[in-house]
Amino acid sequence: MADVARLAGVSHQTVSRVLNEHPNVRPLTRDKVLAAIRELAYRPNAAARTLVTRRTHTLGVITADTMLYGPTSMLYGFERAAHDAYFVSVASLPSLDRRSMLDAVDRFIGQGIEGIVVIATQDSAVAALAHVPAEVPLVAVGCGTRASVTSVAIDNMAGAAAATRYLLGMGHRTVNHVAGPSSCLDAKERVDGWRQAVREAGALEPAVLAGDWSASSGYGLGSRLAAEPGLTAIFCANDTMALGVMRALAERGLRVPDDVSIVGFDDVPEAGFYLPPLTTVRQDFGEVGRQALSTLVDRMSGAIPAGPRVRVAPELIVRASVAGPGR
């Protein structure tokens, strides 16, 4: 820093102000300092800064070891939101049980992590969070909207209800539901939203068929549904299962949307390239990341107590996989 100050003809305090983006630096002076930084290839020493400020500017993320679209997108959304101000350290665990969760939290605290986000999609993960010390700044995501922890989540119930109402509004007498696994909190809320919309419409309530988020489970359940008399509309709890359902229906001579209409959930990047392009509920993972970061920073500063739950509204994306019955 002294070398930079000497080359730029300023004090080392001025260099510090430029590095910390202090507003009270004249533009010409700032340009001189930045030019000297570039010429000398100067990089601030993060370890030294930590010793002085007692801050690491590092956040931790605890997540299950999975390649599922939702959890990986939540992780990416948070990393992008935190990119400009924080480093992000990720602990990917085989399971999010109590012991694994507490071990990961202890490791992060030992590394000077300032706050933690947990991608807690399973009910067992939320149960484990109850054992984390209350003084640890922590925000859960992907845990539904009812978990009794500080959390940020997509309003799954509203999204599922909107998808179901859309199908019913197209004239379908009822809507079958291919759900996610019962241990997943998001899946449970999507069942609740579907059921609410069906009951509000006074429609017949078919039995829920639960898959495991995979295309193969969607294919198997789609094969069962194809044999159902009067089948005209299906709401799938994610787009990947919807893909499997569409394949099963096609193999049995049922056309989408002429014979059966389908709506998914997620809006995966490939959804617009399904045949036909899939109508689905879009999750704004970028907004989830931004809200999670904002909420975590407030928890770290003590601006808010533990407990608030933030809901992020989903969006129905209409494409070509829905039509009126018997088109």
Protein backbone atom coordinates (compact mmCIF):
# COMPACT_ATOMS: atom_id res chain seq x y z
CA MET A 1 0.00 0.00 0.00
CA ALA A 2 2.91 2.35 0.75
CA ASP A 3 4.35 1.66 -2.73
CA VAL A 4 0.99 2.48 -4.33
CA ALA A 5 0.73 5.69 -2.29
CA ARG A 6 4.28 6.73 -3.29
CA LEU A 7 3.65 6.11 -7.00
CA ALA A 8 0.30 7.93 -6.96
CA GLY A 9 1.65 10.82 -4.86
CA VAL A 10 -0.95 10.40 -2.11
CA SER A 11 -1.08 9.19 1.49
CA HIS A 12 -1.60 5.54 2.37
CA GLN A 13 -4.87 6.62 4.03
CA THR A 14 -6.09 7.83 0.62
CA VAL A 15 -5.17 4.47 -0.93
CA SER A 16 -7.17 2.78 1.83
CA ARG A 17 -10.18 4.99 1.09
CA VAL A 18 -10.03 4.10 -2.60
CA LEU A 19 -9.76 0.38 -1.84
CA ASN A 20 -12.76 0.62 0.49
CA GLU A 21 -14.76 2.67 -2.05
CA HIS A 22 -15.06 5.63 0.29
CA PRO A 23 -17.12 8.42 -1.35
CA ASN A 24 -14.91 11.29 -0.13
CA VAL A 25 -12.17 10.84 -2.72
CA ARG A 26 -11.87 13.18 -5.72
CA PRO A 27 -12.27 11.40 -9.09
CA LEU A 28 -8.82 12.52 -10.31
CA THR A 29 -7.18 11.20 -7.13
CA ARG A 30 -9.10 7.94 -7.37
CA ASP A 31 -7.94 7.49 -10.99
CA LYS A 32 -4.29 8.06 -9.97
CA VAL A 33 -4.53 5.48 -7.21
CA LEU A 34 -6.24 2.91 -9.45
CA ALA A 35 -3.58 3.46 -12.15
CA ALA A 36 -0.83 2.87 -9.58
CA ILE A 37 -2.60 -0.28 -8.34
CA ARG A 38 -2.70 -1.63 -11.89
CA GLU A 39 0.92 -0.73 -12.61
CA LEU A 40 2.19 -2.40 -9.43
CA ALA A 41 -0.27 -5.33 -9.67
CA TYR A 42 -1.20 -4.64 -6.06
CA ARG A 43 -3.66 -6.98 -4.33
CA PRO A 44 -4.97 -6.34 -0.79
CA ASN A 45 -3.97 -9.06 1.67
CA ALA A 46 -7.25 -10.60 2.80
CA ALA A 47 -5.65 -12.32 5.79
CA ALA A 48 -4.10 -9.09 7.02
CA ARG A 49 -7.37 -7.22 6.55
CA THR A 50 -9.17 -9.90 8.57
CA LEU A 51 -6.72 -9.44 11.44
CA VAL A 52 -7.41 -5.69 11.49
CA THR A 53 -11.18 -5.68 10.90
CA ARG A 54 -11.99 -9.06 12.51
CA ARG A 55 -14.18 -9.73 9.50
CA THR A 56 -13.62 -12.45 6.90
CA HIS A 57 -16.27 -11.29 4.40
CA THR A 58 -17.02 -15.00 3.93
CA LEU A 59 -20.42 -16.69 4.05
CA GLY A 60 -21.11 -20.40 4.27
CA VAL A 61 -23.65 -22.52 2.41
CA ILE A 62 -24.69 -25.95 3.67
CA THR A 63 -26.44 -28.13 1.10
CA ALA A 64 -27.14 -31.75 0.36
CA ASP A 65 -24.95 -33.47 -2.21
CA THR A 66 -27.39 -33.36 -5.13
CA MET A 67 -27.64 -32.36 -8.78
CA LEU A 68 -31.38 -31.64 -8.64
CA TYR A 69 -32.28 -28.45 -10.50
CA GLY A 70 -33.92 -26.62 -7.59
CA PRO A 71 -31.17 -26.91 -4.94
CA THR A 72 -28.34 -26.30 -7.42
CA SER A 73 -30.15 -23.22 -8.77
CA MET A 74 -30.64 -21.90 -5.23
CA LEU A 75 -26.92 -22.29 -4.60
CA TYR A 76 -26.04 -20.53 -7.86
CA GLY A 77 -28.53 -17.72 -7.18
CA PHE A 78 -27.04 -17.07 -3.74
CA GLU A 79 -23.45 -17.18 -5.01
CA ARG A 80 -24.27 -14.65 -7.72
CA ALA A 81 -26.01 -12.35 -5.22
CA ALA A 82 -23.07 -12.50 -2.80
CA HIS A 83 -20.34 -12.25 -5.45
CA ASP A 84 -19.54 -8.54 -5.20
CA ALA A 85 -19.25 -8.35 -1.41
CA TYR A 86 -18.51 -11.81 -0.01
CA PHE A 87 -16.61 -15.01 -0.57
CA VAL A 88 -18.83 -18.10 -0.40
CA SER A 89 -17.68 -21.42 1.08
CA VAL A 90 -19.85 -24.48 0.34
CA ALA A 91 -20.28 -27.61 2.47
CA SER A 92 -21.97 -30.31 0.37
CA LEU A 93 -23.09 -33.13 2.65
CA PRO A 94 -24.35 -36.67 1.89
CA SER A 95 -27.27 -36.03 4.24
CA LEU A 96 -28.53 -33.09 6.28
CA ASP A 97 -29.18 -34.88 9.56
CA ARG A 98 -28.57 -33.35 13.00
CA ARG A 99 -24.98 -34.55 13.42
CA SER A 100 -23.89 -33.58 9.89
CA MET A 101 -25.55 -30.17 10.17
CA LEU A 102 -23.96 -29.32 13.53
CA ASP A 103 -20.53 -30.53 12.38
CA ALA A 104 -20.74 -28.30 9.29
CA VAL A 105 -21.85 -25.31 11.37
CA ASP A 106 -18.97 -25.86 13.83
CA ARG A 107 -16.44 -26.05 10.97
CA PHE A 108 -17.75 -22.83 9.47
CA ILE A 109 -17.64 -21.00 12.80
CA GLY A 110 -14.06 -22.19 13.27
CA GLN A 111 -13.17 -20.72 9.87
CA GLY A 112 -14.60 -17.31 10.81
CA ILE A 113 -17.68 -17.57 8.57
CA GLU A 114 -19.89 -14.54 9.25
CA GLY A 115 -23.24 -16.09 8.32
CA ILE A 116 -24.69 -19.32 6.95
CA VAL A 117 -27.34 -20.24 4.38
CA VAL A 118 -28.77 -23.75 4.51
CA ILE A 119 -30.51 -25.21 1.45
CA ALA A 120 -32.96 -27.29 3.47
CA THR A 121 -35.34 -29.01 1.07
CA GLN A 122 -36.06 -32.04 3.27
CA ASP A 123 -38.09 -32.04 6.49
CA SER A 124 -35.18 -33.79 8.23
CA ALA A 125 -32.90 -30.84 7.38
CA VAL A 126 -35.34 -28.34 8.88
CA ALA A 127 -35.61 -30.48 12.01
CA ALA A 128 -31.80 -30.45 12.29
CA LEU A 129 -31.76 -26.64 12.13
CA ALA A 130 -33.61 -26.50 15.44
CA HIS A 131 -30.39 -27.67 17.13
CA VAL A 132 -28.16 -24.93 15.69
CA PRO A 133 -27.26 -22.34 18.39
CA ALA A 134 -29.59 -19.35 18.16
CA GLU A 135 -26.69 -16.86 18.06
CA VAL A 136 -25.46 -18.23 14.70
CA PRO A 137 -26.72 -15.92 11.89
CA LEU A 138 -28.52 -18.41 9.65
CA VAL A 139 -31.10 -18.33 6.85
CA ALA A 140 -32.76 -21.39 5.30
CA VAL A 141 -33.88 -21.58 1.68
CA GLY A 142 -35.88 -24.23 -0.16
CA CYS A 143 -37.65 -25.19 3.06
CA GLY A 144 -41.17 -24.17 2.09
CA THR A 145 -42.90 -21.17 3.62
CA ARG A 146 -43.96 -22.66 6.96
CA ALA A 147 -40.67 -23.77 8.54
CA SER A 148 -40.14 -22.16 11.96
CA VAL A 149 -36.72 -20.73 11.02
CA THR A 150 -35.55 -17.55 9.34
CA SER A 151 -36.15 -18.45 5.71
CA VAL A 152 -36.58 -17.36 2.12
CA ALA A 153 -38.72 -19.55 -0.12
CA ILE A 154 -40.72 -19.65 -3.31
CA ASP A 155 -44.46 -19.52 -2.62
CA ASN A 156 -44.99 -23.08 -3.84
CA MET A 157 -48.62 -23.21 -2.81
CA ALA A 158 -49.49 -20.09 -4.81
CA GLY A 159 -47.62 -21.39 -7.86
CA ALA A 160 -49.29 -24.81 -7.76
CA ALA A 161 -52.70 -23.25 -7.26
CA ALA A 162 -52.14 -20.91 -10.23
CA ALA A 163 -51.13 -23.83 -12.47
CA THR A 164 -54.16 -25.87 -11.43
CA ARG A 165 -56.58 -22.96 -11.83
CA TYR A 166 -55.19 -22.31 -15.28
CA LEU A 167 -55.95 -25.88 -16.35
CA LEU A 168 -59.42 -25.77 -14.80
CA GLY A 169 -60.03 -22.40 -16.46
CA MET A 170 -59.32 -24.01 -19.83
CA GLY A 171 -62.37 -26.22 -19.27
CA HIS A 172 -60.87 -29.37 -17.76
CA ARG A 173 -63.22 -31.04 -15.28
CA THR A 174 -60.36 -31.93 -12.95
CA VAL A 175 -56.55 -32.03 -12.80
CA ASN A 176 -54.41 -35.01 -11.84
CA HIS A 177 -51.24 -34.33 -9.86
CA VAL A 178 -47.81 -35.95 -10.14
CA ALA A 179 -46.12 -34.86 -6.91
CA GLY A 180 -42.57 -34.85 -5.61
CA PRO A 181 -41.42 -37.02 -2.68
CA SER A 182 -43.44 -36.62 0.52
CA SER A 183 -40.27 -35.85 2.54
CA CYS A 184 -39.70 -32.68 0.49
CA LEU A 185 -41.27 -29.53 1.91
CA ASP A 186 -41.65 -27.83 -1.48
CA ALA A 187 -43.46 -30.91 -2.81
CA LYS A 188 -45.88 -30.89 0.11
CA GLU A 189 -46.77 -27.25 -0.49
CA ARG A 190 -47.34 -27.89 -4.20
CA VAL A 191 -49.76 -30.68 -3.28
CA ASP A 192 -51.55 -28.25 -0.95
CA GLY A 193 -51.82 -25.61 -3.69
CA TRP A 194 -53.15 -28.12 -6.22
CA ARG A 195 -55.66 -29.49 -3.70
CA GLN A 196 -56.86 -26.02 -2.71
CA ALA A 197 -57.56 -25.06 -6.33
CA VAL A 198 -59.35 -28.35 -7.10
CA ARG A 199 -61.55 -28.06 -4.02
CA GLU A 200 -62.34 -24.39 -4.63
CA ALA A 201 -63.57 -25.37 -8.09
CA GLY A 202 -65.72 -28.15 -6.69
CA ALA A 203 -63.93 -30.62 -8.95
CA LEU A 204 -63.27 -34.30 -8.38
CA GLU A 205 -60.03 -34.74 -6.39
CA PRO A 206 -57.94 -37.56 -7.92
CA ALA A 207 -55.42 -39.51 -5.85
CA VAL A 208 -51.95 -37.93 -5.75
CA LEU A 209 -49.18 -39.93 -7.42
CA ALA A 210 -45.74 -39.22 -5.92
CA GLY A 211 -42.47 -39.48 -7.86
CA ASP A 212 -38.87 -38.71 -6.93
CA TRP A 213 -38.31 -35.63 -9.17
CA SER A 214 -36.76 -37.78 -11.94
CA ALA A 215 -37.92 -38.21 -15.53
CA SER A 216 -38.01 -41.98 -15.01
CA SER A 217 -40.48 -41.65 -12.13
CA GLY A 218 -42.58 -39.32 -14.26
CA TYR A 219 -42.52 -41.89 -17.03
CA GLY A 220 -43.72 -44.64 -14.70
CA LEU A 221 -46.52 -42.53 -13.26
CA GLY A 222 -47.44 -41.26 -16.71
CA SER A 223 -47.88 -44.86 -17.83
CA ARG A 224 -50.33 -45.39 -14.97
CA LEU A 225 -52.22 -42.19 -15.71
CA ALA A 226 -52.51 -43.03 -19.41
CA ALA A 227 -54.82 -45.89 -18.45
CA GLU A 228 -57.12 -43.61 -16.44
CA PRO A 229 -60.50 -43.04 -18.14
CA GLY A 230 -61.35 -39.38 -18.63
CA LEU A 231 -57.77 -38.13 -18.16
CA THR A 232 -57.41 -34.67 -19.72
CA ALA A 233 -55.06 -32.59 -17.52
CA ILE A 234 -51.97 -33.18 -15.36
CA PHE A 235 -50.03 -30.81 -13.11
CA CYS A 236 -46.51 -32.09 -12.46
CA ALA A 237 -44.51 -30.88 -9.45
CA ASN A 238 -41.41 -30.33 -11.60
CA ASP A 239 -40.53 -30.10 -15.27
CA THR A 240 -38.29 -33.18 -15.25
CA MET A 241 -41.14 -35.46 -14.20
CA ALA A 242 -43.36 -33.71 -16.75
CA LEU A 243 -40.89 -34.77 -19.44
CA GLY A 244 -41.24 -38.40 -18.39
CA VAL A 245 -45.02 -38.11 -18.30
CA MET A 246 -45.08 -36.67 -21.82
CA ARG A 247 -42.97 -39.56 -23.10
CA ALA A 248 -45.27 -42.14 -21.48
CA LEU A 249 -48.39 -40.52 -22.92
CA ALA A 250 -46.87 -40.34 -26.41
CA GLU A 251 -45.99 -44.05 -26.34
CA ARG A 252 -49.63 -44.83 -25.59
CA GLY A 253 -50.95 -42.70 -28.43
CA LEU A 254 -52.05 -39.71 -26.35
CA ARG A 255 -51.14 -36.31 -27.76
CA VAL A 256 -50.15 -33.25 -25.71
CA PRO A 257 -52.10 -30.99 -25.60
CA ASP A 258 -54.80 -32.38 -27.95
CA ASP A 259 -55.67 -35.29 -25.65
CA VAL A 260 -53.96 -34.37 -22.37
CA SER A 261 -52.76 -30.96 -21.17
CA ILE A 262 -49.66 -30.74 -18.93
CA VAL A 263 -48.21 -28.02 -16.70
CA GLY A 264 -44.85 -28.35 -14.92
CA PHE A 265 -42.99 -26.43 -12.21
CA ASP A 266 -39.50 -24.85 -12.27
CA ASP A 267 -39.10 -23.58 -15.85
CA VAL A 268 -35.85 -25.42 -16.45
CA PRO A 269 -33.80 -24.01 -19.35
CA GLU A 270 -34.97 -26.87 -21.60
CA ALA A 271 -38.71 -26.41 -20.89
CA GLY A 272 -39.24 -24.19 -23.91
CA PHE A 273 -37.72 -26.91 -26.14
CA TYR A 274 -39.94 -29.81 -25.03
CA LEU A 275 -42.29 -31.10 -27.70
CA PRO A 276 -44.60 -29.27 -27.29
CA PRO A 277 -42.96 -26.43 -25.33
CA LEU A 278 -43.98 -26.82 -21.70
CA THR A 279 -46.30 -24.49 -19.81
CA THR A 280 -44.77 -24.26 -16.34
CA VAL A 281 -44.35 -22.26 -13.13
CA ARG A 282 -41.12 -20.29 -13.07
CA GLN A 283 -39.08 -20.01 -9.87
CA ASP A 284 -37.00 -16.83 -9.69
CA PHE A 285 -33.84 -18.27 -8.12
CA GLY A 286 -31.99 -15.00 -8.64
CA GLU A 287 -34.51 -13.21 -6.44
CA VAL A 288 -34.34 -16.02 -3.87
CA GLY A 289 -30.57 -15.50 -3.74
CA ARG A 290 -30.88 -11.72 -3.36
CA GLN A 291 -33.51 -12.01 -0.64
CA ALA A 292 -31.50 -14.69 1.17
CA LEU A 293 -28.40 -12.48 1.14
CA SER A 294 -30.31 -9.41 2.31
CA THR A 295 -31.98 -11.36 5.11
CA LEU A 296 -28.68 -12.95 6.18
CA VAL A 297 -26.88 -9.59 6.26
CA ASP A 298 -29.67 -8.21 8.44
CA ARG A 299 -29.31 -11.20 10.78
CA MET A 300 -25.52 -10.74 10.91
CA SER A 301 -25.89 -7.06 11.84
CA GLY A 302 -28.62 -7.71 14.37
CA ALA A 303 -31.06 -5.56 12.40
CA ILE A 304 -33.72 -8.29 12.55
CA PRO A 305 -34.32 -11.10 15.05
CA ALA A 306 -34.49 -14.77 14.11
CA GLY A 307 -37.79 -15.93 12.70
CA PRO A 308 -38.98 -13.86 9.69
CA ARG A 309 -40.03 -15.78 6.60
CA VAL A 310 -39.79 -14.19 3.14
CA ARG A 311 -41.93 -15.46 0.27
CA VAL A 312 -40.91 -15.01 -3.37
CA ALA A 313 -43.77 -15.08 -5.86
CA PRO A 314 -43.54 -17.56 -8.77
CA GLU A 315 -44.76 -16.84 -12.31
CA LEU A 316 -46.91 -18.96 -14.62
CA ILE A 317 -45.23 -19.25 -18.03
CA VAL A 318 -47.76 -20.15 -20.72
CA ARG A 319 -46.50 -22.16 -23.69
CA ALA A 320 -48.06 -24.81 -25.91
CA SER A 321 -48.67 -27.82 -23.65
CA VAL A 322 -52.18 -26.77 -22.56
CA ALA A 323 -55.42 -26.67 -24.52
CA GLY A 324 -59.10 -27.15 -23.82
CA PRO A 325 -60.32 -30.75 -23.39
CA GLY A 326 -61.11 -32.71 -26.53
CA ARG A 327 -59.46 -30.23 -28.87
